[in-house]
Amino acid sequence: MRKAFLMVAAAAAMLIATGFTACKSNSTQTPKVIDIYVAGNDESGTETVAKVWKNGKELYALTDGSKRAFGNSVFVVGGDVYTAGFEDNGTNNVPKVWKNDKELYDLTDGSKNGSARAIFVADDKVYTAGYEDGVAKFWKNKTGTNLTNSSNSAVAEAIFVAGSNVYTAGREIVGSKTIVKVWKKDKELFALTNTSNNANAYSVFVVGDDVYTAGYENNGTKQIAKVWKNKKEIFHTDGTEHALAYSVYVVGDDVYVAGYEGNPAKVWKNGEELYELTNEGNAYSMVVHNGDVYVTGYEREVSGNVPKVWKNGKELYSLDDKGEGNSIFIVER
């Protein structure tokens, strides 16, 4: 559901649908100044407001607070800020895309419930993943492609575009269980779990021919945070606490994972805990840039959930008094 990135125009394979950075760094040069964009929700009012923050300050309120709305994913390219989410129309949640501070379009007519969960911009095309009326979908601009049919309820939670290939990941109910699915274009690429346990995927990251997927699988007692490389499981928590992996980011041979285990929000690197970010909270989206690890999510405080950004395990700033940071994207100036 939540996303982040580092964006390199000449190397699309290094993009991730859950968090990015724009521009490739050169270690022989002075590090460039970066801008940190976060999409999320301000929950301090009567209704939840979809928002975008830049460097810790509110950049846009995408909705006016008259109806419940969420900003689920952000992608920045060419100076333009694209956000995917939804707004309640009084009857259904309507999946939407905003460009900068204006609504770009609705993805559906609003007659059925839906949501836009992830966004990716490539070659001047806007790709969005989500669902409509229980059917997992992705949209290229405003044109939708069904990944499943209406016989099974399903959601596409994450999207990644590599060349001409569109990868999406999420869940589909088969029988009485939700299973993790990855699709390539409009076809199922693989199912990562079976009908033994409930499971879901929240993030997909593609490097060359390798597809990394993050999510969880229930073991019958606890939710286990997991990451798969192609069809092989390469990371899981030990099952002593409920845990979810919400974001995966790959740099060379290093695999970073963000999520939670027990109450704390956490980051793992190559299967080992790297940071515990909070006593209570969640890490939804992550970018690794020049060796630094940036994460957004929330910390649970007395007043409620507070949206935050962390850098290398330390709080960088709070974004608002109450809400959640759902997606992070970094751009080099």
C-alpha atoms as a PDB file:
ATOM      1  CA  MET A   1       0.000   0.000   0.000  1.00  0.00           C
ATOM      2  CA  ARG A   2       2.820   2.431   0.848  1.00  0.00           C
ATOM      3  CA  LYS A   3       5.656   3.358  -1.546  1.00  0.00           C
ATOM      4  CA  ALA A   4       9.208   5.110  -2.153  1.00  0.00           C
ATOM      5  CA  PHE A   5      12.197   5.719  -4.696  1.00  0.00           C
ATOM      6  CA  LEU A   6      15.557   6.904  -6.139  1.00  0.00           C
ATOM      7  CA  MET A   7      15.061   7.903  -9.735  1.00  0.00           C
ATOM      8  CA  VAL A   8      17.704   7.480 -12.432  1.00  0.00           C
ATOM      9  CA  ALA A   9      16.462   8.158 -15.936  1.00  0.00           C
ATOM     10  CA  ALA A  10      19.166   6.030 -17.537  1.00  0.00           C
ATOM     11  CA  ALA A  11      18.685   3.108 -15.176  1.00  0.00           C
ATOM     12  CA  ALA A  12      15.004   2.403 -14.705  1.00  0.00           C
ATOM     13  CA  ALA A  13      15.804  -0.941 -13.127  1.00  0.00           C
ATOM     14  CA  MET A  14      17.007   0.865 -10.036  1.00  0.00           C
ATOM     15  CA  LEU A  15      13.600   2.379  -9.417  1.00  0.00           C
ATOM     16  CA  ILE A  16      11.215   1.098  -6.796  1.00  0.00           C
ATOM     17  CA  ALA A  17       7.480   1.448  -6.591  1.00  0.00           C
ATOM     18  CA  THR A  18       7.544   2.099  -2.958  1.00  0.00           C
ATOM     19  CA  GLY A  19      10.142   4.841  -2.792  1.00  0.00           C
ATOM     20  CA  PHE A  20      12.624   6.610  -5.082  1.00  0.00           C
ATOM     21  CA  THR A  21      15.375   9.077  -5.492  1.00  0.00           C
ATOM     22  CA  ALA A  22      15.895  11.178  -8.562  1.00  0.00           C
ATOM     23  CA  CYS A  23      19.376  11.294 -10.074  1.00  0.00           C
ATOM     24  CA  LYS A  24      22.327   8.983  -9.801  1.00  0.00           C
ATOM     25  CA  SER A  25      24.988   9.923  -7.315  1.00  0.00           C
ATOM     26  CA  ASN A  26      28.711   9.946  -8.065  1.00  0.00           C
ATOM     27  CA  SER A  27      30.899   9.219  -5.042  1.00  0.00           C
ATOM     28  CA  THR A  28      33.774  11.282  -6.516  1.00  0.00           C
ATOM     29  CA  GLN A  29      31.627  14.410  -6.433  1.00  0.00           C
ATOM     30  CA  THR A  30      30.312  16.480  -3.573  1.00  0.00           C
ATOM     31  CA  PRO A  31      26.953  15.005  -2.477  1.00  0.00           C
ATOM     32  CA  LYS A  32      24.045  16.936  -3.916  1.00  0.00           C
ATOM     33  CA  VAL A  33      21.334  18.577  -1.873  1.00  0.00           C
ATOM     34  CA  ILE A  34      18.190  16.482  -1.760  1.00  0.00           C
ATOM     35  CA  ASP A  35      14.497  17.179  -1.398  1.00  0.00           C
ATOM     36  CA  ILE A  36      12.389  14.693   0.549  1.00  0.00           C
ATOM     37  CA  TYR A  37       8.760  14.296  -0.528  1.00  0.00           C
ATOM     38  CA  VAL A  38       6.202  12.380   1.526  1.00  0.00           C
ATOM     39  CA  ALA A  39       2.580  11.565   0.753  1.00  0.00           C
ATOM     40  CA  GLY A  40       0.215  10.689   3.547  1.00  0.00           C
ATOM     41  CA  ASN A  41      -2.710  11.706   5.678  1.00  0.00           C
ATOM     42  CA  ASP A  42      -3.458  14.532   8.086  1.00  0.00           C
ATOM     43  CA  GLU A  43      -5.912  13.154  10.640  1.00  0.00           C
ATOM     44  CA  SER A  44      -6.107  16.166  12.932  1.00  0.00           C
ATOM     45  CA  GLY A  45      -9.468  17.383  11.610  1.00  0.00           C
ATOM     46  CA  THR A  46     -12.965  15.928  11.396  1.00  0.00           C
ATOM     47  CA  GLU A  47     -12.102  14.116   8.150  1.00  0.00           C
ATOM     48  CA  THR A  48      -8.762  12.720   6.989  1.00  0.00           C
ATOM     49  CA  VAL A  49      -7.001  14.971   4.445  1.00  0.00           C
ATOM     50  CA  ALA A  50      -4.620  13.705   1.739  1.00  0.00           C
ATOM     51  CA  LYS A  51      -1.377  15.697   1.867  1.00  0.00           C
ATOM     52  CA  VAL A  52       2.125  15.993   0.433  1.00  0.00           C
ATOM     53  CA  TRP A  53       5.036  17.320   2.462  1.00  0.00           C
ATOM     54  CA  LYS A  54       8.424  18.530   1.191  1.00  0.00           C
ATOM     55  CA  ASN A  55      11.401  18.577   3.554  1.00  0.00           C
ATOM     56  CA  GLY A  56       9.135  18.342   6.559  1.00  0.00           C
ATOM     57  CA  LYS A  57       6.793  21.190   5.566  1.00  0.00           C
ATOM     58  CA  GLU A  58       3.335  20.901   4.062  1.00  0.00           C
ATOM     59  CA  LEU A  59       3.559  21.340   0.293  1.00  0.00           C
ATOM     60  CA  TYR A  60      -0.014  20.554  -0.734  1.00  0.00           C
ATOM     61  CA  ALA A  61      -3.301  19.708   0.932  1.00  0.00           C
ATOM     62  CA  LEU A  62      -4.811  17.669  -1.897  1.00  0.00           C
ATOM     63  CA  THR A  63      -8.318  17.614  -0.447  1.00  0.00           C
ATOM     64  CA  ASP A  64     -10.337  20.152   1.505  1.00  0.00           C
ATOM     65  CA  GLY A  65     -11.298  18.011   4.495  1.00  0.00           C
ATOM     66  CA  SER A  66     -14.983  17.786   3.653  1.00  0.00           C
ATOM     67  CA  LYS A  67     -14.611  14.075   2.755  1.00  0.00           C
ATOM     68  CA  ARG A  68     -12.231  11.365   3.921  1.00  0.00           C
ATOM     69  CA  ALA A  69      -9.181  11.025   1.657  1.00  0.00           C
ATOM     70  CA  PHE A  70      -5.791   9.296   1.694  1.00  0.00           C
ATOM     71  CA  GLY A  71      -2.528  10.060  -0.120  1.00  0.00           C
ATOM     72  CA  ASN A  72      -1.051   6.593  -0.567  1.00  0.00           C
ATOM     73  CA  SER A  73       1.886   7.014  -2.930  1.00  0.00           C
ATOM     74  CA  VAL A  74       4.067   9.788  -4.374  1.00  0.00           C
ATOM     75  CA  PHE A  75       6.369   9.981  -7.410  1.00  0.00           C
ATOM     76  CA  VAL A  76       8.312  13.071  -8.514  1.00  0.00           C
ATOM     77  CA  VAL A  77       9.643  13.587 -12.039  1.00  0.00           C
ATOM     78  CA  GLY A  78      10.544  16.664 -14.063  1.00  0.00           C
ATOM     79  CA  GLY A  79       9.605  18.952 -11.198  1.00  0.00           C
ATOM     80  CA  ASP A  80       6.072  17.569 -11.047  1.00  0.00           C
ATOM     81  CA  VAL A  81       4.669  15.767  -8.017  1.00  0.00           C
ATOM     82  CA  TYR A  82       2.264  12.893  -8.734  1.00  0.00           C
ATOM     83  CA  THR A  83       0.202  11.427  -5.911  1.00  0.00           C
ATOM     84  CA  ALA A  84      -2.140   8.434  -5.897  1.00  0.00           C
ATOM     85  CA  GLY A  85      -4.846   7.762  -3.334  1.00  0.00           C
ATOM     86  CA  PHE A  86      -8.580   8.001  -2.914  1.00  0.00           C
ATOM     87  CA  GLU A  87     -11.375  10.284  -1.772  1.00  0.00           C
ATOM     88  CA  ASP A  88     -14.756   9.252  -0.413  1.00  0.00           C
ATOM     89  CA  ASN A  89     -17.625  10.496  -2.604  1.00  0.00           C
ATOM     90  CA  GLY A  90     -20.207   9.847   0.095  1.00  0.00           C
ATOM     91  CA  THR A  91     -20.940   6.338  -1.142  1.00  0.00           C
ATOM     92  CA  ASN A  92     -17.641   4.840  -2.321  1.00  0.00           C
ATOM     93  CA  ASN A  93     -13.916   5.485  -2.162  1.00  0.00           C
ATOM     94  CA  VAL A  94     -12.857   6.862  -5.564  1.00  0.00           C
ATOM     95  CA  PRO A  95      -9.271   6.178  -6.743  1.00  0.00           C
ATOM     96  CA  LYS A  96      -7.575   9.408  -7.799  1.00  0.00           C
ATOM     97  CA  VAL A  97      -4.346  10.835  -9.176  1.00  0.00           C
ATOM     98  CA  TRP A  98      -3.178  14.350  -8.385  1.00  0.00           C
ATOM     99  CA  LYS A  99      -0.473  16.308 -10.211  1.00  0.00           C
ATOM    100  CA  ASN A 100       1.108  18.885  -7.971  1.00  0.00           C
ATOM    101  CA  ASP A 101      -1.777  20.455  -6.030  1.00  0.00           C
ATOM    102  CA  LYS A 102      -4.535  19.715  -8.571  1.00  0.00           C
ATOM    103  CA  GLU A 103      -6.574  16.599  -9.222  1.00  0.00           C
ATOM    104  CA  LEU A 104      -5.354  15.100 -12.510  1.00  0.00           C
ATOM    105  CA  TYR A 105      -8.175  12.582 -12.852  1.00  0.00           C
ATOM    106  CA  ASP A 106     -10.447  10.036 -11.234  1.00  0.00           C
ATOM    107  CA  LEU A 107      -9.535   6.494 -12.251  1.00  0.00           C
ATOM    108  CA  THR A 108     -13.135   5.267 -11.990  1.00  0.00           C
ATOM    109  CA  ASP A 109     -16.598   6.773 -12.202  1.00  0.00           C
ATOM    110  CA  GLY A 110     -17.130   6.344  -8.454  1.00  0.00           C
ATOM    111  CA  SER A 111     -20.061   3.951  -8.763  1.00  0.00           C
ATOM    112  CA  LYS A 112     -17.997   1.170  -7.158  1.00  0.00           C
ATOM    113  CA  ASN A 113     -15.558   1.132  -4.266  1.00  0.00           C
ATOM    114  CA  GLY A 114     -11.869   1.411  -5.156  1.00  0.00           C
ATOM    115  CA  SER A 115      -8.480   2.857  -4.315  1.00  0.00           C
ATOM    116  CA  ALA A 116      -5.172   3.822  -5.923  1.00  0.00           C
ATOM    117  CA  ARG A 117      -2.423   2.272  -3.799  1.00  0.00           C
ATOM    118  CA  ALA A 118       0.797   2.943  -5.716  1.00  0.00           C
ATOM    119  CA  ILE A 119       2.079   5.177  -8.517  1.00  0.00           C
ATOM    120  CA  PHE A 120       5.016   5.046 -10.949  1.00  0.00           C
ATOM    121  CA  VAL A 121       5.820   7.504 -13.739  1.00  0.00           C
ATOM    122  CA  ALA A 122       7.876   6.364 -16.749  1.00  0.00           C
ATOM    123  CA  ASP A 123       8.257   7.773 -20.272  1.00  0.00           C
ATOM    124  CA  ASP A 124       5.654  10.463 -19.549  1.00  0.00           C
ATOM    125  CA  LYS A 125       3.088   7.791 -18.668  1.00  0.00           C
ATOM    126  CA  VAL A 126       1.464   7.542 -15.246  1.00  0.00           C
ATOM    127  CA  TYR A 127       1.030   3.976 -13.963  1.00  0.00           C
ATOM    128  CA  THR A 128      -1.185   3.380 -10.956  1.00  0.00           C
ATOM    129  CA  ALA A 129      -1.998   0.164  -9.060  1.00  0.00           C
ATOM    130  CA  GLY A 130      -5.068  -0.516  -6.959  1.00  0.00           C
ATOM    131  CA  TYR A 131      -8.490  -2.052  -7.236  1.00  0.00           C
ATOM    132  CA  GLU A 132     -12.073  -1.439  -8.260  1.00  0.00           C
ATOM    133  CA  ASP A 133     -14.974  -3.455  -6.870  1.00  0.00           C
ATOM    134  CA  GLY A 134     -12.684  -6.258  -5.669  1.00  0.00           C
ATOM    135  CA  VAL A 135     -10.770  -6.540  -8.969  1.00  0.00           C
ATOM    136  CA  ALA A 136      -7.007  -5.916  -8.846  1.00  0.00           C
ATOM    137  CA  LYS A 137      -6.019  -3.424 -11.545  1.00  0.00           C
ATOM    138  CA  PHE A 138      -3.382  -1.154 -12.898  1.00  0.00           C
ATOM    139  CA  TRP A 139      -4.019   1.936 -14.959  1.00  0.00           C
ATOM    140  CA  LYS A 140      -1.795   3.457 -17.641  1.00  0.00           C
ATOM    141  CA  ASN A 141      -2.855   7.049 -17.447  1.00  0.00           C
ATOM    142  CA  LYS A 142      -6.644   6.608 -17.289  1.00  0.00           C
ATOM    143  CA  THR A 143      -6.849   3.258 -19.092  1.00  0.00           C
ATOM    144  CA  GLY A 144      -7.401   0.350 -16.725  1.00  0.00           C
ATOM    145  CA  THR A 145      -6.150  -3.232 -17.055  1.00  0.00           C
ATOM    146  CA  ASN A 146      -7.764  -5.964 -14.951  1.00  0.00           C
ATOM    147  CA  LEU A 147      -5.316  -8.340 -13.269  1.00  0.00           C
ATOM    148  CA  THR A 148      -8.031 -10.551 -11.819  1.00  0.00           C
ATOM    149  CA  ASN A 149     -11.690 -11.208 -12.488  1.00  0.00           C
ATOM    150  CA  SER A 150     -14.601 -10.620 -10.174  1.00  0.00           C
ATOM    151  CA  SER A 151     -14.738 -14.251  -9.007  1.00  0.00           C
ATOM    152  CA  ASN A 152     -12.048 -13.581  -6.365  1.00  0.00           C
ATOM    153  CA  SER A 153     -11.547 -10.377  -4.414  1.00  0.00           C
ATOM    154  CA  ALA A 154      -8.071  -8.939  -5.027  1.00  0.00           C
ATOM    155  CA  VAL A 155      -5.952  -5.792  -4.581  1.00  0.00           C
ATOM    156  CA  ALA A 156      -2.808  -4.592  -6.366  1.00  0.00           C
ATOM    157  CA  GLU A 157      -0.780  -2.859  -3.647  1.00  0.00           C
ATOM    158  CA  ALA A 158       2.487  -2.024  -5.449  1.00  0.00           C
ATOM    159  CA  ILE A 159       3.738  -1.224  -8.950  1.00  0.00           C
ATOM    160  CA  PHE A 160       7.133  -1.026 -10.663  1.00  0.00           C
ATOM    161  CA  VAL A 161       7.843  -0.232 -14.308  1.00  0.00           C
ATOM    162  CA  ALA A 162      11.046  -1.566 -15.889  1.00  0.00           C
ATOM    163  CA  GLY A 163      11.362  -0.868 -19.590  1.00  0.00           C
ATOM    164  CA  SER A 164       8.218  -2.144 -21.297  1.00  0.00           C
ATOM    165  CA  ASN A 165       7.285  -4.362 -18.350  1.00  0.00           C
ATOM    166  CA  VAL A 166       4.800  -3.416 -15.657  1.00  0.00           C
ATOM    167  CA  TYR A 167       5.087  -5.404 -12.420  1.00  0.00           C
ATOM    168  CA  THR A 168       2.395  -5.318  -9.764  1.00  0.00           C
ATOM    169  CA  ALA A 169       2.087  -7.153  -6.454  1.00  0.00           C
ATOM    170  CA  GLY A 170      -0.702  -7.660  -3.982  1.00  0.00           C
ATOM    171  CA  ARG A 171      -3.182 -10.250  -2.839  1.00  0.00           C
ATOM    172  CA  GLU A 172      -6.013 -12.392  -4.123  1.00  0.00           C
ATOM    173  CA  ILE A 173      -8.532 -14.378  -2.089  1.00  0.00           C
ATOM    174  CA  VAL A 174      -8.476 -18.018  -3.152  1.00  0.00           C
ATOM    175  CA  GLY A 175     -10.943 -20.150  -1.263  1.00  0.00           C
ATOM    176  CA  SER A 176     -10.931 -18.748   2.250  1.00  0.00           C
ATOM    177  CA  LYS A 177      -7.336 -17.423   2.229  1.00  0.00           C
ATOM    178  CA  THR A 178      -5.541 -14.390   0.812  1.00  0.00           C
ATOM    179  CA  ILE A 179      -2.437 -15.324  -1.166  1.00  0.00           C
ATOM    180  CA  VAL A 180       0.459 -13.203  -2.454  1.00  0.00           C
ATOM    181  CA  LYS A 181       0.452 -12.635  -6.191  1.00  0.00           C
ATOM    182  CA  VAL A 182       2.865 -10.907  -8.559  1.00  0.00           C
ATOM    183  CA  TRP A 183       1.747  -9.935 -12.040  1.00  0.00           C
ATOM    184  CA  LYS A 184       3.815  -8.955 -15.090  1.00  0.00           C
ATOM    185  CA  LYS A 185       1.835  -6.808 -17.485  1.00  0.00           C
ATOM    186  CA  ASP A 186      -1.658  -8.336 -17.403  1.00  0.00           C
ATOM    187  CA  LYS A 187      -0.619 -11.927 -16.561  1.00  0.00           C
ATOM    188  CA  GLU A 188       0.122 -13.637 -13.274  1.00  0.00           C
ATOM    189  CA  LEU A 189       3.899 -14.071 -12.942  1.00  0.00           C
ATOM    190  CA  PHE A 190       3.795 -16.169  -9.793  1.00  0.00           C
ATOM    191  CA  ALA A 191       1.930 -16.887  -6.580  1.00  0.00           C
ATOM    192  CA  LEU A 192       4.316 -16.671  -3.634  1.00  0.00           C
ATOM    193  CA  THR A 193       2.074 -18.355  -1.081  1.00  0.00           C
ATOM    194  CA  ASN A 194      -0.647 -20.985  -1.138  1.00  0.00           C
ATOM    195  CA  THR A 195      -4.019 -21.411   0.520  1.00  0.00           C
ATOM    196  CA  SER A 196      -2.555 -22.720   3.782  1.00  0.00           C
ATOM    197  CA  ASN A 197      -2.211 -19.262   5.364  1.00  0.00           C
ATOM    198  CA  ASN A 198      -3.347 -15.690   4.812  1.00  0.00           C
ATOM    199  CA  ALA A 199      -0.707 -13.453   3.233  1.00  0.00           C
ATOM    200  CA  ASN A 200      -0.281 -10.124   1.448  1.00  0.00           C
ATOM    201  CA  ALA A 201       2.323  -8.126  -0.471  1.00  0.00           C
ATOM    202  CA  TYR A 202       2.852  -4.376  -0.110  1.00  0.00           C
ATOM    203  CA  SER A 203       6.012  -3.600  -2.097  1.00  0.00           C
ATOM    204  CA  VAL A 204       7.745  -4.732  -5.287  1.00  0.00           C
ATOM    205  CA  PHE A 205      11.232  -3.779  -6.511  1.00  0.00           C
ATOM    206  CA  VAL A 206      12.805  -4.961  -9.765  1.00  0.00           C
ATOM    207  CA  VAL A 207      16.538  -5.171 -10.523  1.00  0.00           C
ATOM    208  CA  GLY A 208      17.340  -6.641 -13.920  1.00  0.00           C
ATOM    209  CA  ASP A 209      15.476  -9.940 -14.120  1.00  0.00           C
ATOM    210  CA  ASP A 210      15.019 -10.218 -10.351  1.00  0.00           C
ATOM    211  CA  VAL A 211      11.731  -9.333  -8.693  1.00  0.00           C
ATOM    212  CA  TYR A 212      11.774  -8.573  -4.946  1.00  0.00           C
ATOM    213  CA  THR A 213       8.443  -8.646  -3.101  1.00  0.00           C
ATOM    214  CA  ALA A 214       7.764  -7.676   0.522  1.00  0.00           C
ATOM    215  CA  GLY A 215       4.785  -8.476   2.707  1.00  0.00           C
ATOM    216  CA  TYR A 216       3.758 -11.070   5.255  1.00  0.00           C
ATOM    217  CA  GLU A 217       2.458 -14.587   5.692  1.00  0.00           C
ATOM    218  CA  ASN A 218       0.498 -15.787   8.702  1.00  0.00           C
ATOM    219  CA  ASN A 219       1.851 -18.967  10.309  1.00  0.00           C
ATOM    220  CA  GLY A 220      -1.461 -19.784  11.986  1.00  0.00           C
ATOM    221  CA  THR A 221      -0.573 -17.804  15.101  1.00  0.00           C
ATOM    222  CA  LYS A 222       1.459 -14.775  14.055  1.00  0.00           C
ATOM    223  CA  GLN A 223       1.981 -12.643  10.973  1.00  0.00           C
ATOM    224  CA  ILE A 224       5.541 -13.172   9.703  1.00  0.00           C
ATOM    225  CA  ALA A 225       7.250 -10.373   7.763  1.00  0.00           C
ATOM    226  CA  LYS A 226       8.717 -11.807   4.559  1.00  0.00           C
ATOM    227  CA  VAL A 227      10.663 -10.882   1.434  1.00  0.00           C
ATOM    228  CA  TRP A 228      10.880 -13.026  -1.679  1.00  0.00           C
ATOM    229  CA  LYS A 229      13.422 -12.799  -4.503  1.00  0.00           C
ATOM    230  CA  ASN A 230      11.572 -14.112  -7.501  1.00  0.00           C
ATOM    231  CA  LYS A 231       9.852 -17.192  -6.040  1.00  0.00           C
ATOM    232  CA  LYS A 232      12.370 -17.849  -3.243  1.00  0.00           C
ATOM    233  CA  GLU A 233      11.883 -16.543   0.296  1.00  0.00           C
ATOM    234  CA  ILE A 234      15.033 -14.669   1.362  1.00  0.00           C
ATOM    235  CA  PHE A 235      13.927 -13.002   4.609  1.00  0.00           C
ATOM    236  CA  HIS A 236      11.476 -13.644   7.413  1.00  0.00           C
ATOM    237  CA  THR A 237      11.055 -12.657  11.040  1.00  0.00           C
ATOM    238  CA  ASP A 238      11.164 -15.371  13.698  1.00  0.00           C
ATOM    239  CA  GLY A 239       7.451 -15.472  14.461  1.00  0.00           C
ATOM    240  CA  THR A 240       7.644 -14.520  18.135  1.00  0.00           C
ATOM    241  CA  GLU A 241       5.818 -11.229  17.383  1.00  0.00           C
ATOM    242  CA  HIS A 242       3.399 -10.060  14.735  1.00  0.00           C
ATOM    243  CA  ALA A 243       5.446  -8.463  11.947  1.00  0.00           C
ATOM    244  CA  LEU A 244       4.898  -6.994   8.462  1.00  0.00           C
ATOM    245  CA  ALA A 245       7.313  -5.904   5.731  1.00  0.00           C
ATOM    246  CA  TYR A 246       5.847  -2.844   4.012  1.00  0.00           C
ATOM    247  CA  SER A 247       8.783  -1.740   1.855  1.00  0.00           C
ATOM    248  CA  VAL A 248      11.763  -3.401   0.151  1.00  0.00           C
ATOM    249  CA  TYR A 249      14.651  -1.486  -1.424  1.00  0.00           C
ATOM    250  CA  VAL A 250      17.671  -3.053  -3.121  1.00  0.00           C
ATOM    251  CA  VAL A 251      21.110  -1.450  -3.545  1.00  0.00           C
ATOM    252  CA  GLY A 252      23.697  -3.731  -5.144  1.00  0.00           C
ATOM    253  CA  ASP A 253      23.761  -6.905  -3.081  1.00  0.00           C
ATOM    254  CA  ASP A 254      22.046  -5.261  -0.092  1.00  0.00           C
ATOM    255  CA  VAL A 255      18.354  -5.809   0.582  1.00  0.00           C
ATOM    256  CA  TYR A 256      16.706  -3.297   2.925  1.00  0.00           C
ATOM    257  CA  VAL A 257      13.284  -3.912   4.466  1.00  0.00           C
ATOM    258  CA  ALA A 258      11.033  -1.560   6.454  1.00  0.00           C
ATOM    259  CA  GLY A 259       7.987  -2.461   8.519  1.00  0.00           C
ATOM    260  CA  TYR A 260       7.255  -3.405  12.087  1.00  0.00           C
ATOM    261  CA  GLU A 261       7.836  -6.269  14.521  1.00  0.00           C
ATOM    262  CA  GLY A 262       5.814  -6.335  17.723  1.00  0.00           C
ATOM    263  CA  ASN A 263       5.171  -2.680  18.572  1.00  0.00           C
ATOM    264  CA  PRO A 264       8.330  -0.998  17.165  1.00  0.00           C
ATOM    265  CA  ALA A 265       8.801   0.219  13.612  1.00  0.00           C
ATOM    266  CA  LYS A 266      11.987  -1.346  12.236  1.00  0.00           C
ATOM    267  CA  VAL A 267      14.457  -1.494   9.357  1.00  0.00           C
ATOM    268  CA  TRP A 268      16.356  -4.648   8.429  1.00  0.00           C
ATOM    269  CA  LYS A 269      19.375  -5.067   6.145  1.00  0.00           C
ATOM    270  CA  ASN A 270      20.243  -8.446   4.669  1.00  0.00           C
ATOM    271  CA  GLY A 271      18.125 -10.249   7.231  1.00  0.00           C
ATOM    272  CA  GLU A 272      19.498  -8.472  10.307  1.00  0.00           C
ATOM    273  CA  GLU A 273      17.830  -5.703  12.277  1.00  0.00           C
ATOM    274  CA  LEU A 274      19.448  -2.397  11.360  1.00  0.00           C
ATOM    275  CA  TYR A 275      17.311   0.142  13.249  1.00  0.00           C
ATOM    276  CA  GLU A 276      14.471   0.198  15.722  1.00  0.00           C
ATOM    277  CA  LEU A 277      12.767   3.474  14.894  1.00  0.00           C
ATOM    278  CA  THR A 278      10.078   3.687  17.580  1.00  0.00           C
ATOM    279  CA  ASN A 279       8.750   2.062  20.699  1.00  0.00           C
ATOM    280  CA  GLU A 280       5.356   1.921  18.981  1.00  0.00           C
ATOM    281  CA  GLY A 281       4.687   2.688  15.351  1.00  0.00           C
ATOM    282  CA  ASN A 282       5.103   1.591  11.773  1.00  0.00           C
ATOM    283  CA  ALA A 283       7.535   2.082   8.888  1.00  0.00           C
ATOM    284  CA  TYR A 284       5.631   2.202   5.612  1.00  0.00           C
ATOM    285  CA  SER A 285       8.096   3.381   2.968  1.00  0.00           C
ATOM    286  CA  MET A 286      11.850   3.627   2.518  1.00  0.00           C
ATOM    287  CA  VAL A 287      14.546   5.037   0.226  1.00  0.00           C
ATOM    288  CA  VAL A 288      18.291   4.397   0.419  1.00  0.00           C
ATOM    289  CA  HIS A 289      20.319   7.288  -0.991  1.00  0.00           C
ATOM    290  CA  ASN A 290      24.125   7.634  -0.867  1.00  0.00           C
ATOM    291  CA  GLY A 291      24.206   5.057   1.928  1.00  0.00           C
ATOM    292  CA  ASP A 292      21.608   6.892   4.014  1.00  0.00           C
ATOM    293  CA  VAL A 293      18.327   5.200   4.886  1.00  0.00           C
ATOM    294  CA  TYR A 294      15.218   7.409   4.820  1.00  0.00           C
ATOM    295  CA  VAL A 295      11.922   6.064   6.158  1.00  0.00           C
ATOM    296  CA  THR A 296       8.427   7.429   6.609  1.00  0.00           C
ATOM    297  CA  GLY A 297       5.553   6.060   8.663  1.00  0.00           C
ATOM    298  CA  TYR A 298       4.203   7.012  12.047  1.00  0.00           C
ATOM    299  CA  GLU A 299       4.973   6.894  15.738  1.00  0.00           C
ATOM    300  CA  ARG A 300       2.163   6.218  18.178  1.00  0.00           C
ATOM    301  CA  GLU A 301       2.025   8.965  20.798  1.00  0.00           C
ATOM    302  CA  VAL A 302      -0.500   9.978  23.462  1.00  0.00           C
ATOM    303  CA  SER A 303      -2.365  12.158  20.941  1.00  0.00           C
ATOM    304  CA  GLY A 304      -2.498   9.366  18.355  1.00  0.00           C
ATOM    305  CA  ASN A 305      -0.396   8.444  15.346  1.00  0.00           C
ATOM    306  CA  VAL A 306       2.123  11.145  14.365  1.00  0.00           C
ATOM    307  CA  PRO A 307       3.556  11.081  10.791  1.00  0.00           C
ATOM    308  CA  LYS A 308       7.348  11.127  10.808  1.00  0.00           C
ATOM    309  CA  VAL A 309      10.508  10.804   8.729  1.00  0.00           C
ATOM    310  CA  TRP A 310      13.640   9.056   9.982  1.00  0.00           C
ATOM    311  CA  LYS A 311      17.199   9.133   8.638  1.00  0.00           C
ATOM    312  CA  ASN A 312      19.552   6.323   9.614  1.00  0.00           C
ATOM    313  CA  GLY A 313      17.395   5.322  12.553  1.00  0.00           C
ATOM    314  CA  LYS A 314      17.016   8.821  14.002  1.00  0.00           C
ATOM    315  CA  GLU A 315      13.948  11.018  13.771  1.00  0.00           C
ATOM    316  CA  LEU A 316      14.449  13.732  11.169  1.00  0.00           C
ATOM    317  CA  TYR A 317      11.113  15.486  11.753  1.00  0.00           C
ATOM    318  CA  SER A 318       7.396  15.149  12.415  1.00  0.00           C
ATOM    319  CA  LEU A 319       5.196  16.072   9.465  1.00  0.00           C
ATOM    320  CA  ASP A 320       1.975  16.947  11.273  1.00  0.00           C
ATOM    321  CA  ASP A 321       0.294  16.672  14.653  1.00  0.00           C
ATOM    322  CA  LYS A 322      -1.667  13.561  13.749  1.00  0.00           C
ATOM    323  CA  GLY A 323      -1.697  11.205  10.770  1.00  0.00           C
ATOM    324  CA  GLU A 324       0.580   8.909   8.773  1.00  0.00           C
ATOM    325  CA  GLY A 325       3.390   9.178   6.248  1.00  0.00           C
ATOM    326  CA  ASN A 326       2.652   6.572   3.586  1.00  0.00           C
ATOM    327  CA  SER A 327       5.208   7.086   0.822  1.00  0.00           C
ATOM    328  CA  ILE A 328       8.631   8.723   0.460  1.00  0.00           C
ATOM    329  CA  PHE A 329      10.483   9.928  -2.629  1.00  0.00           C
ATOM    330  CA  ILE A 330      13.876  11.668  -2.823  1.00  0.00           C
ATOM    331  CA  VAL A 331      15.020  14.022  -5.570  1.00  0.00           C
ATOM    332  CA  GLU A 332      18.505  15.446  -6.017  1.00  0.00           C
ATOM    333  CA  ARG A 333      18.593  19.120  -6.923  1.00  0.00           C
END
